[in-house]
Amino acid sequence: MGRFSASVKKMIACCQLALTSSEYRLIKRSQLFDHDYYRKNNPDIDERKMDLLVHFIKWGDRELRSPSIYFSSHYYLSQFSEKEQSVIVPLLHFLHEGGPAGKDPNPLFHMEYYLKRYPDVGRVQENPLVYYLKYGWKKGQLTCPEMEYLLGIHF
C-alpha cells in the first residue's frame, strides 16, 4: 500500500505541475531535459517520490544541476557577472533571455557561430539550440568552430 500511495502522490504532483506550470511545458517542449541523464548524474534524487522534471524545476535548476549533456548550468553562468549569477535560474533564463541574447549553453555550442553558419535558423524564430536538437543534428550541422577542425572541414 505504501508504494502505491507514493506512486499516486508522485503522479498527482507531476500532473498538477504539468497543468499549471508554463515552465514545465516550456522545458518539456525544448527537449533540454533528459530524464536518463538527470537520473544518472543525480543519484541522490529518488524518482519514486518525485518526477525528475518536477524536481529540476523546483530545486535542480537553482542548485545548478544540469538537465542534459546539451546544457551546462555552470558553463552558462560563467558568461555572467558574479552579481548576475546570484539571481539567474540557468535553464529558464537561457530559454527566455540568454538564448535570444546569444549566450552559449555549453562549450561546444556557440550560438553566434551556429547562426552565422546556418542563417536560415535565425529566420525560424526558434532558440538555436532547440532547433539543433529537433532538426540540426539530423542534418549534420556543426555547432562550433572546433568541430570544423576536428572533422578537417575548412570553409
N, C-alpha and C. Protein backbone atom coordinates (compact mmCIF):
# COMPACT_ATOMS: atom_id res chain seq x y z
N MET A 1 0.82 -1.20 0.00
CA MET A 1 0.00 0.00 0.00
C MET A 1 0.86 1.26 0.00
N GLY A 2 1.98 1.26 0.71
CA GLY A 2 2.85 2.43 0.79
C GLY A 2 3.44 2.81 -0.55
N ARG A 3 3.91 1.81 -1.32
CA ARG A 3 4.49 2.10 -2.64
C ARG A 3 3.44 2.66 -3.59
N PHE A 4 2.26 2.09 -3.52
CA PHE A 4 1.17 2.56 -4.37
C PHE A 4 0.83 4.01 -4.03
N SER A 5 0.75 4.29 -2.74
CA SER A 5 0.44 5.64 -2.27
C SER A 5 1.49 6.64 -2.74
N ALA A 6 2.78 6.27 -2.66
CA ALA A 6 3.86 7.15 -3.11
C ALA A 6 3.77 7.39 -4.61
N SER A 7 3.43 6.34 -5.36
CA SER A 7 3.30 6.48 -6.82
C SER A 7 2.15 7.41 -7.18
N VAL A 8 1.05 7.29 -6.46
CA VAL A 8 -0.11 8.14 -6.72
C VAL A 8 0.24 9.60 -6.40
N LYS A 9 0.92 9.82 -5.27
CA LYS A 9 1.31 11.18 -4.89
C LYS A 9 2.23 11.79 -5.95
N LYS A 10 3.17 10.99 -6.43
CA LYS A 10 4.11 11.46 -7.45
C LYS A 10 3.35 11.83 -8.72
N MET A 11 2.43 10.97 -9.12
CA MET A 11 1.66 11.21 -10.34
C MET A 11 0.80 12.47 -10.20
N ILE A 12 0.18 12.66 -9.06
CA ILE A 12 -0.65 13.84 -8.82
C ILE A 12 0.19 15.11 -8.87
N ALA A 13 1.35 15.09 -8.19
CA ALA A 13 2.24 16.26 -8.19
C ALA A 13 2.71 16.60 -9.59
N CYS A 14 3.05 15.58 -10.34
CA CYS A 14 3.52 15.77 -11.71
C CYS A 14 2.40 16.36 -12.57
N CYS A 15 1.21 15.82 -12.46
CA CYS A 15 0.08 16.31 -13.25
C CYS A 15 -0.27 17.74 -12.88
N GLN A 16 -0.26 18.06 -11.58
CA GLN A 16 -0.57 19.42 -11.15
C GLN A 16 0.43 20.41 -11.73
N LEU A 17 1.72 20.08 -11.65
CA LEU A 17 2.73 20.98 -12.17
C LEU A 17 2.63 21.09 -13.69
N ALA A 18 2.41 19.97 -14.35
CA ALA A 18 2.32 19.98 -15.82
C ALA A 18 1.14 20.82 -16.30
N LEU A 19 0.04 20.77 -15.56
CA LEU A 19 -1.15 21.51 -15.97
C LEU A 19 -1.07 22.99 -15.64
N THR A 20 -0.33 23.33 -14.60
CA THR A 20 -0.32 24.72 -14.14
C THR A 20 0.97 25.46 -14.45
N SER A 21 2.01 24.77 -14.80
CA SER A 21 3.30 25.41 -14.93
C SER A 21 3.71 25.63 -16.38
N SER A 22 3.84 26.88 -16.74
CA SER A 22 4.35 27.17 -18.08
C SER A 22 5.82 26.75 -18.17
N GLU A 23 6.53 26.77 -17.04
CA GLU A 23 7.93 26.33 -17.01
C GLU A 23 8.03 24.85 -17.40
N TYR A 24 7.16 24.03 -16.85
CA TYR A 24 7.17 22.59 -17.13
C TYR A 24 6.97 22.37 -18.63
N ARG A 25 5.97 23.03 -19.18
CA ARG A 25 5.68 22.85 -20.61
C ARG A 25 6.81 23.38 -21.48
N LEU A 26 7.37 24.52 -21.11
CA LEU A 26 8.47 25.11 -21.88
C LEU A 26 9.68 24.18 -21.91
N ILE A 27 10.08 23.67 -20.77
CA ILE A 27 11.24 22.78 -20.70
C ILE A 27 10.96 21.48 -21.43
N LYS A 28 9.78 20.94 -21.25
CA LYS A 28 9.40 19.69 -21.93
C LYS A 28 9.49 19.86 -23.45
N ARG A 29 8.93 20.95 -23.96
CA ARG A 29 8.95 21.20 -25.40
C ARG A 29 10.36 21.45 -25.93
N SER A 30 11.21 22.03 -25.11
CA SER A 30 12.56 22.40 -25.56
C SER A 30 13.46 21.19 -25.80
N GLN A 31 13.12 20.06 -25.23
CA GLN A 31 13.93 18.84 -25.31
C GLN A 31 15.27 18.99 -24.59
N LEU A 32 15.39 19.98 -23.72
CA LEU A 32 16.65 20.19 -23.00
C LEU A 32 16.69 19.50 -21.65
N PHE A 33 15.66 18.75 -21.33
CA PHE A 33 15.69 17.94 -20.10
C PHE A 33 15.71 16.47 -20.50
N ASP A 34 16.74 15.78 -20.05
CA ASP A 34 16.92 14.36 -20.35
C ASP A 34 16.81 13.57 -19.04
N HIS A 35 15.70 12.83 -18.89
CA HIS A 35 15.46 12.08 -17.66
C HIS A 35 16.61 11.14 -17.33
N ASP A 36 17.09 10.39 -18.32
CA ASP A 36 18.17 9.43 -18.07
C ASP A 36 19.44 10.13 -17.61
N TYR A 37 19.80 11.21 -18.26
CA TYR A 37 20.99 11.97 -17.88
C TYR A 37 20.84 12.51 -16.46
N TYR A 38 19.69 13.09 -16.17
CA TYR A 38 19.45 13.70 -14.86
C TYR A 38 19.49 12.64 -13.76
N ARG A 39 18.88 11.49 -14.02
CA ARG A 39 18.88 10.39 -13.04
C ARG A 39 20.31 9.92 -12.78
N LYS A 40 21.06 9.70 -13.85
CA LYS A 40 22.43 9.18 -13.73
C LYS A 40 23.35 10.15 -13.00
N ASN A 41 23.18 11.44 -13.24
CA ASN A 41 24.07 12.44 -12.65
C ASN A 41 23.60 12.98 -11.31
N ASN A 42 22.44 12.52 -10.86
CA ASN A 42 21.89 12.97 -9.58
C ASN A 42 21.33 11.77 -8.81
N PRO A 43 22.19 10.85 -8.41
CA PRO A 43 21.71 9.63 -7.74
C PRO A 43 21.06 9.89 -6.38
N ASP A 44 21.21 11.09 -5.85
CA ASP A 44 20.60 11.42 -4.56
C ASP A 44 19.10 11.67 -4.66
N ILE A 45 18.57 11.76 -5.87
CA ILE A 45 17.14 12.02 -6.05
C ILE A 45 16.41 10.70 -6.23
N ASP A 46 15.39 10.48 -5.42
CA ASP A 46 14.59 9.26 -5.50
C ASP A 46 13.40 9.53 -6.43
N GLU A 47 13.52 9.04 -7.66
CA GLU A 47 12.46 9.33 -8.64
C GLU A 47 11.16 8.61 -8.33
N ARG A 48 11.18 7.69 -7.36
CA ARG A 48 9.92 7.05 -6.97
C ARG A 48 9.06 8.03 -6.18
N LYS A 49 9.71 9.05 -5.60
CA LYS A 49 8.97 10.02 -4.79
C LYS A 49 8.59 11.27 -5.58
N MET A 50 9.31 11.54 -6.65
CA MET A 50 9.03 12.76 -7.41
C MET A 50 9.49 12.62 -8.85
N ASP A 51 8.69 13.10 -9.75
CA ASP A 51 9.07 13.16 -11.16
C ASP A 51 10.35 14.00 -11.27
N LEU A 52 11.29 13.53 -12.08
CA LEU A 52 12.59 14.20 -12.17
C LEU A 52 12.49 15.61 -12.75
N LEU A 53 11.62 15.82 -13.71
CA LEU A 53 11.46 17.16 -14.25
C LEU A 53 10.85 18.10 -13.22
N VAL A 54 9.92 17.59 -12.43
CA VAL A 54 9.35 18.39 -11.34
C VAL A 54 10.46 18.78 -10.37
N HIS A 55 11.31 17.80 -10.01
CA HIS A 55 12.43 18.10 -9.11
C HIS A 55 13.32 19.18 -9.71
N PHE A 56 13.65 19.03 -10.99
CA PHE A 56 14.53 20.00 -11.64
C PHE A 56 13.93 21.41 -11.57
N ILE A 57 12.65 21.54 -11.85
CA ILE A 57 12.01 22.86 -11.84
C ILE A 57 11.98 23.44 -10.43
N LYS A 58 11.63 22.60 -9.45
CA LYS A 58 11.50 23.10 -8.08
C LYS A 58 12.85 23.40 -7.43
N TRP A 59 13.86 22.54 -7.68
CA TRP A 59 15.13 22.69 -6.98
C TRP A 59 16.36 22.59 -7.88
N GLY A 60 16.36 21.66 -8.80
CA GLY A 60 17.57 21.34 -9.56
C GLY A 60 18.17 22.48 -10.34
N ASP A 61 17.34 23.26 -11.02
CA ASP A 61 17.87 24.37 -11.81
C ASP A 61 18.56 25.39 -10.91
N ARG A 62 17.96 25.68 -9.76
CA ARG A 62 18.55 26.63 -8.82
C ARG A 62 19.80 26.07 -8.14
N GLU A 63 19.87 24.75 -8.03
CA GLU A 63 21.04 24.09 -7.42
C GLU A 63 22.14 23.85 -8.46
N LEU A 64 21.97 24.36 -9.66
CA LEU A 64 22.93 24.24 -10.77
C LEU A 64 23.14 22.80 -11.20
N ARG A 65 22.09 22.00 -11.14
CA ARG A 65 22.14 20.63 -11.66
C ARG A 65 21.82 20.73 -13.15
N SER A 66 22.71 20.27 -13.98
CA SER A 66 22.50 20.37 -15.43
C SER A 66 21.43 19.38 -15.88
N PRO A 67 20.53 19.80 -16.76
CA PRO A 67 19.41 18.96 -17.18
C PRO A 67 19.73 17.95 -18.28
N SER A 68 20.85 18.15 -18.98
CA SER A 68 21.22 17.25 -20.08
C SER A 68 22.65 17.54 -20.51
N ILE A 69 23.16 16.73 -21.42
CA ILE A 69 24.51 16.99 -21.92
C ILE A 69 24.55 18.24 -22.78
N TYR A 70 23.41 18.71 -23.20
CA TYR A 70 23.35 19.86 -24.10
C TYR A 70 23.33 21.21 -23.37
N PHE A 71 23.14 21.17 -22.06
CA PHE A 71 23.10 22.43 -21.30
C PHE A 71 23.88 22.27 -20.01
N SER A 72 24.93 23.06 -19.87
CA SER A 72 25.74 23.06 -18.66
C SER A 72 25.41 24.31 -17.84
N SER A 73 24.78 24.10 -16.71
CA SER A 73 24.40 25.23 -15.86
C SER A 73 25.62 26.05 -15.45
N HIS A 74 26.69 25.37 -15.07
CA HIS A 74 27.91 26.08 -14.64
C HIS A 74 28.53 26.87 -15.79
N TYR A 75 28.62 26.25 -16.95
CA TYR A 75 29.19 26.94 -18.11
C TYR A 75 28.34 28.15 -18.48
N TYR A 76 27.04 27.95 -18.51
CA TYR A 76 26.14 29.04 -18.87
C TYR A 76 26.33 30.23 -17.93
N LEU A 77 26.36 29.97 -16.62
CA LEU A 77 26.51 31.06 -15.66
C LEU A 77 27.86 31.75 -15.76
N SER A 78 28.88 31.03 -16.23
CA SER A 78 30.22 31.63 -16.31
C SER A 78 30.26 32.81 -17.29
N GLN A 79 29.24 32.98 -18.08
CA GLN A 79 29.18 34.08 -19.05
C GLN A 79 28.58 35.36 -18.46
N PHE A 80 28.28 35.32 -17.16
CA PHE A 80 27.66 36.46 -16.50
C PHE A 80 28.53 36.95 -15.34
N SER A 81 28.29 38.18 -14.92
CA SER A 81 29.00 38.72 -13.77
C SER A 81 28.55 37.98 -12.50
N GLU A 82 29.35 38.12 -11.45
CA GLU A 82 29.01 37.46 -10.19
C GLU A 82 27.66 37.93 -9.66
N LYS A 83 27.40 39.20 -9.80
CA LYS A 83 26.13 39.77 -9.34
C LYS A 83 24.96 39.15 -10.12
N GLU A 84 25.11 39.05 -11.44
CA GLU A 84 24.05 38.47 -12.27
C GLU A 84 23.86 36.99 -11.94
N GLN A 85 24.96 36.28 -11.71
CA GLN A 85 24.89 34.84 -11.42
C GLN A 85 24.02 34.55 -10.21
N SER A 86 24.03 35.45 -9.24
CA SER A 86 23.30 35.21 -8.00
C SER A 86 21.78 35.22 -8.17
N VAL A 87 21.30 35.77 -9.27
CA VAL A 87 19.84 35.84 -9.46
C VAL A 87 19.33 35.03 -10.65
N ILE A 88 20.23 34.44 -11.41
CA ILE A 88 19.83 33.71 -12.62
C ILE A 88 19.49 32.25 -12.30
N VAL A 89 18.35 31.79 -12.78
CA VAL A 89 17.99 30.38 -12.77
C VAL A 89 18.36 29.89 -14.17
N PRO A 90 19.47 29.13 -14.30
CA PRO A 90 20.12 28.92 -15.60
C PRO A 90 19.26 28.49 -16.78
N LEU A 91 18.64 27.33 -16.73
CA LEU A 91 17.94 26.86 -17.93
C LEU A 91 16.77 27.76 -18.29
N LEU A 92 16.01 28.16 -17.31
CA LEU A 92 14.86 29.03 -17.61
C LEU A 92 15.34 30.37 -18.17
N HIS A 93 16.41 30.89 -17.62
CA HIS A 93 16.97 32.14 -18.14
C HIS A 93 17.42 31.96 -19.59
N PHE A 94 18.09 30.84 -19.86
CA PHE A 94 18.55 30.56 -21.22
C PHE A 94 17.38 30.51 -22.20
N LEU A 95 16.31 29.83 -21.82
CA LEU A 95 15.17 29.68 -22.72
C LEU A 95 14.43 31.00 -22.94
N HIS A 96 14.37 31.84 -21.91
CA HIS A 96 13.65 33.11 -22.02
C HIS A 96 14.51 34.26 -22.55
N GLU A 97 15.74 34.36 -22.04
CA GLU A 97 16.54 35.55 -22.34
C GLU A 97 17.91 35.24 -22.94
N GLY A 98 18.63 34.32 -22.34
CA GLY A 98 20.01 34.07 -22.74
C GLY A 98 20.17 33.54 -24.15
N GLY A 99 19.32 32.61 -24.53
CA GLY A 99 19.37 32.08 -25.89
C GLY A 99 19.15 33.17 -26.92
N PRO A 100 18.06 33.93 -26.80
CA PRO A 100 17.85 35.02 -27.75
C PRO A 100 18.96 36.07 -27.73
N ALA A 101 19.65 36.21 -26.59
CA ALA A 101 20.75 37.18 -26.48
C ALA A 101 22.08 36.60 -26.98
N GLY A 102 22.08 35.32 -27.36
CA GLY A 102 23.29 34.72 -27.91
C GLY A 102 24.23 34.09 -26.90
N LYS A 103 23.77 33.84 -25.68
CA LYS A 103 24.61 33.18 -24.66
C LYS A 103 24.71 31.69 -24.99
N ASP A 104 25.91 31.15 -24.85
CA ASP A 104 26.15 29.75 -25.19
C ASP A 104 25.69 28.80 -24.09
N PRO A 105 25.03 27.69 -24.45
CA PRO A 105 24.52 26.74 -23.46
C PRO A 105 25.57 25.75 -22.95
N ASN A 106 26.64 25.56 -23.71
CA ASN A 106 27.72 24.65 -23.31
C ASN A 106 28.95 25.01 -24.14
N PRO A 107 30.11 24.48 -23.79
CA PRO A 107 31.33 24.88 -24.50
C PRO A 107 31.40 24.43 -25.96
N LEU A 108 30.54 23.52 -26.38
CA LEU A 108 30.59 23.02 -27.75
C LEU A 108 29.42 23.48 -28.62
N PHE A 109 28.66 24.42 -28.10
CA PHE A 109 27.58 25.00 -28.91
C PHE A 109 27.72 26.51 -28.83
N HIS A 110 28.20 27.10 -29.91
CA HIS A 110 28.40 28.55 -29.97
C HIS A 110 27.25 29.16 -30.76
N MET A 111 26.41 29.87 -30.06
CA MET A 111 25.21 30.44 -30.68
C MET A 111 25.55 31.33 -31.88
N GLU A 112 26.50 32.22 -31.71
CA GLU A 112 26.86 33.15 -32.79
C GLU A 112 27.37 32.38 -34.01
N TYR A 113 28.23 31.40 -33.77
CA TYR A 113 28.77 30.59 -34.86
C TYR A 113 27.64 29.86 -35.60
N TYR A 114 26.76 29.23 -34.82
CA TYR A 114 25.68 28.43 -35.40
C TYR A 114 24.76 29.29 -36.28
N LEU A 115 24.40 30.46 -35.78
CA LEU A 115 23.51 31.34 -36.54
C LEU A 115 24.21 31.91 -37.78
N LYS A 116 25.49 32.16 -37.68
CA LYS A 116 26.24 32.67 -38.83
C LYS A 116 26.39 31.58 -39.89
N ARG A 117 26.66 30.38 -39.44
CA ARG A 117 26.88 29.25 -40.36
C ARG A 117 25.57 28.80 -41.02
N TYR A 118 24.46 28.89 -40.26
CA TYR A 118 23.15 28.45 -40.75
C TYR A 118 22.14 29.60 -40.58
N PRO A 119 22.20 30.62 -41.43
CA PRO A 119 21.35 31.80 -41.26
C PRO A 119 19.85 31.49 -41.30
N ASP A 120 19.46 30.40 -41.95
CA ASP A 120 18.04 30.04 -42.00
C ASP A 120 17.49 29.75 -40.61
N VAL A 121 18.34 29.31 -39.69
CA VAL A 121 17.90 29.03 -38.31
C VAL A 121 17.41 30.31 -37.65
N GLY A 122 18.09 31.40 -37.88
CA GLY A 122 17.68 32.68 -37.31
C GLY A 122 16.33 33.15 -37.81
N ARG A 123 15.97 32.73 -38.99
CA ARG A 123 14.69 33.15 -39.57
C ARG A 123 13.49 32.38 -39.02
N VAL A 124 13.71 31.23 -38.42
CA VAL A 124 12.58 30.44 -37.93
C VAL A 124 12.10 30.87 -36.54
N GLN A 125 12.78 31.85 -35.95
CA GLN A 125 12.35 32.39 -34.65
C GLN A 125 12.29 31.32 -33.56
N GLU A 126 13.27 30.43 -33.55
CA GLU A 126 13.35 29.40 -32.52
C GLU A 126 14.74 29.45 -31.90
N ASN A 127 14.83 29.14 -30.64
CA ASN A 127 16.12 29.08 -29.97
C ASN A 127 17.04 28.16 -30.78
N PRO A 128 18.23 28.62 -31.15
CA PRO A 128 19.11 27.81 -31.99
C PRO A 128 19.45 26.43 -31.43
N LEU A 129 19.64 26.33 -30.13
CA LEU A 129 19.92 25.01 -29.55
C LEU A 129 18.71 24.10 -29.66
N VAL A 130 17.54 24.63 -29.39
CA VAL A 130 16.31 23.84 -29.51
C VAL A 130 16.13 23.40 -30.97
N TYR A 131 16.39 24.31 -31.89
CA TYR A 131 16.31 23.96 -33.31
C TYR A 131 17.29 22.83 -33.63
N TYR A 132 18.51 22.95 -33.13
CA TYR A 132 19.53 21.92 -33.38
C TYR A 132 19.07 20.56 -32.86
N LEU A 133 18.50 20.54 -31.67
CA LEU A 133 18.05 19.26 -31.09
C LEU A 133 16.90 18.65 -31.88
N LYS A 134 16.06 19.49 -32.47
CA LYS A 134 14.94 18.98 -33.25
C LYS A 134 15.35 18.59 -34.67
N TYR A 135 16.19 19.41 -35.31
CA TYR A 135 16.47 19.22 -36.73
C TYR A 135 17.95 19.21 -37.11
N GLY A 136 18.72 20.11 -36.52
CA GLY A 136 20.10 20.34 -36.95
C GLY A 136 21.00 19.13 -36.87
N TRP A 137 20.90 18.35 -35.79
CA TRP A 137 21.78 17.19 -35.66
C TRP A 137 21.49 16.17 -36.75
N LYS A 138 20.22 16.08 -37.17
CA LYS A 138 19.86 15.14 -38.24
C LYS A 138 20.49 15.55 -39.57
N LYS A 139 20.70 16.86 -39.73
CA LYS A 139 21.30 17.39 -40.96
C LYS A 139 22.82 17.40 -40.89
N GLY A 140 23.37 16.99 -39.75
CA GLY A 140 24.82 17.00 -39.58
C GLY A 140 25.40 18.40 -39.41
N GLN A 141 24.60 19.32 -38.90
CA GLN A 141 25.07 20.69 -38.73
C GLN A 141 26.12 20.77 -37.63
N LEU A 142 27.09 21.64 -37.84
CA LEU A 142 28.18 21.85 -36.89
C LEU A 142 27.75 22.89 -35.87
N THR A 143 28.27 22.78 -34.65
CA THR A 143 27.84 23.67 -33.58
C THR A 143 28.91 24.63 -33.08
N CYS A 144 30.15 24.44 -33.51
CA CYS A 144 31.23 25.32 -33.08
C CYS A 144 32.42 25.18 -34.03
N PRO A 145 33.29 26.17 -34.08
CA PRO A 145 34.43 26.11 -34.99
C PRO A 145 35.37 24.94 -34.70
N GLU A 146 35.44 24.52 -33.46
CA GLU A 146 36.30 23.39 -33.10
C GLU A 146 35.89 22.12 -33.83
N MET A 147 34.61 21.98 -34.13
CA MET A 147 34.14 20.81 -34.87
C MET A 147 34.69 20.80 -36.29
N GLU A 148 34.80 21.97 -36.89
CA GLU A 148 35.39 22.06 -38.23
C GLU A 148 36.81 21.52 -38.21
N TYR A 149 37.55 21.93 -37.20
CA TYR A 149 38.94 21.50 -37.07
C TYR A 149 39.01 19.98 -36.86
N LEU A 150 38.21 19.48 -35.93
CA LEU A 150 38.23 18.05 -35.62
C LEU A 150 37.82 17.19 -36.81
N LEU A 151 36.91 17.70 -37.61
CA LEU A 151 36.43 16.95 -38.78
C LEU A 151 37.24 17.24 -40.04
N GLY A 152 38.18 18.17 -39.93
CA GLY A 152 39.01 18.51 -41.09
C GLY A 152 38.27 19.30 -42.14
N ILE A 153 37.27 20.05 -41.71
CA ILE A 153 36.48 20.86 -42.63
C ILE A 153 36.97 22.30 -42.53
N HIS A 154 37.29 22.89 -43.65
CA HIS A 154 37.75 24.28 -43.63
C HIS A 154 36.98 25.07 -44.68
N PHE A 155 36.28 26.08 -44.22
CA PHE A 155 35.48 26.91 -45.13
C PHE A 155 36.03 28.30 -45.17
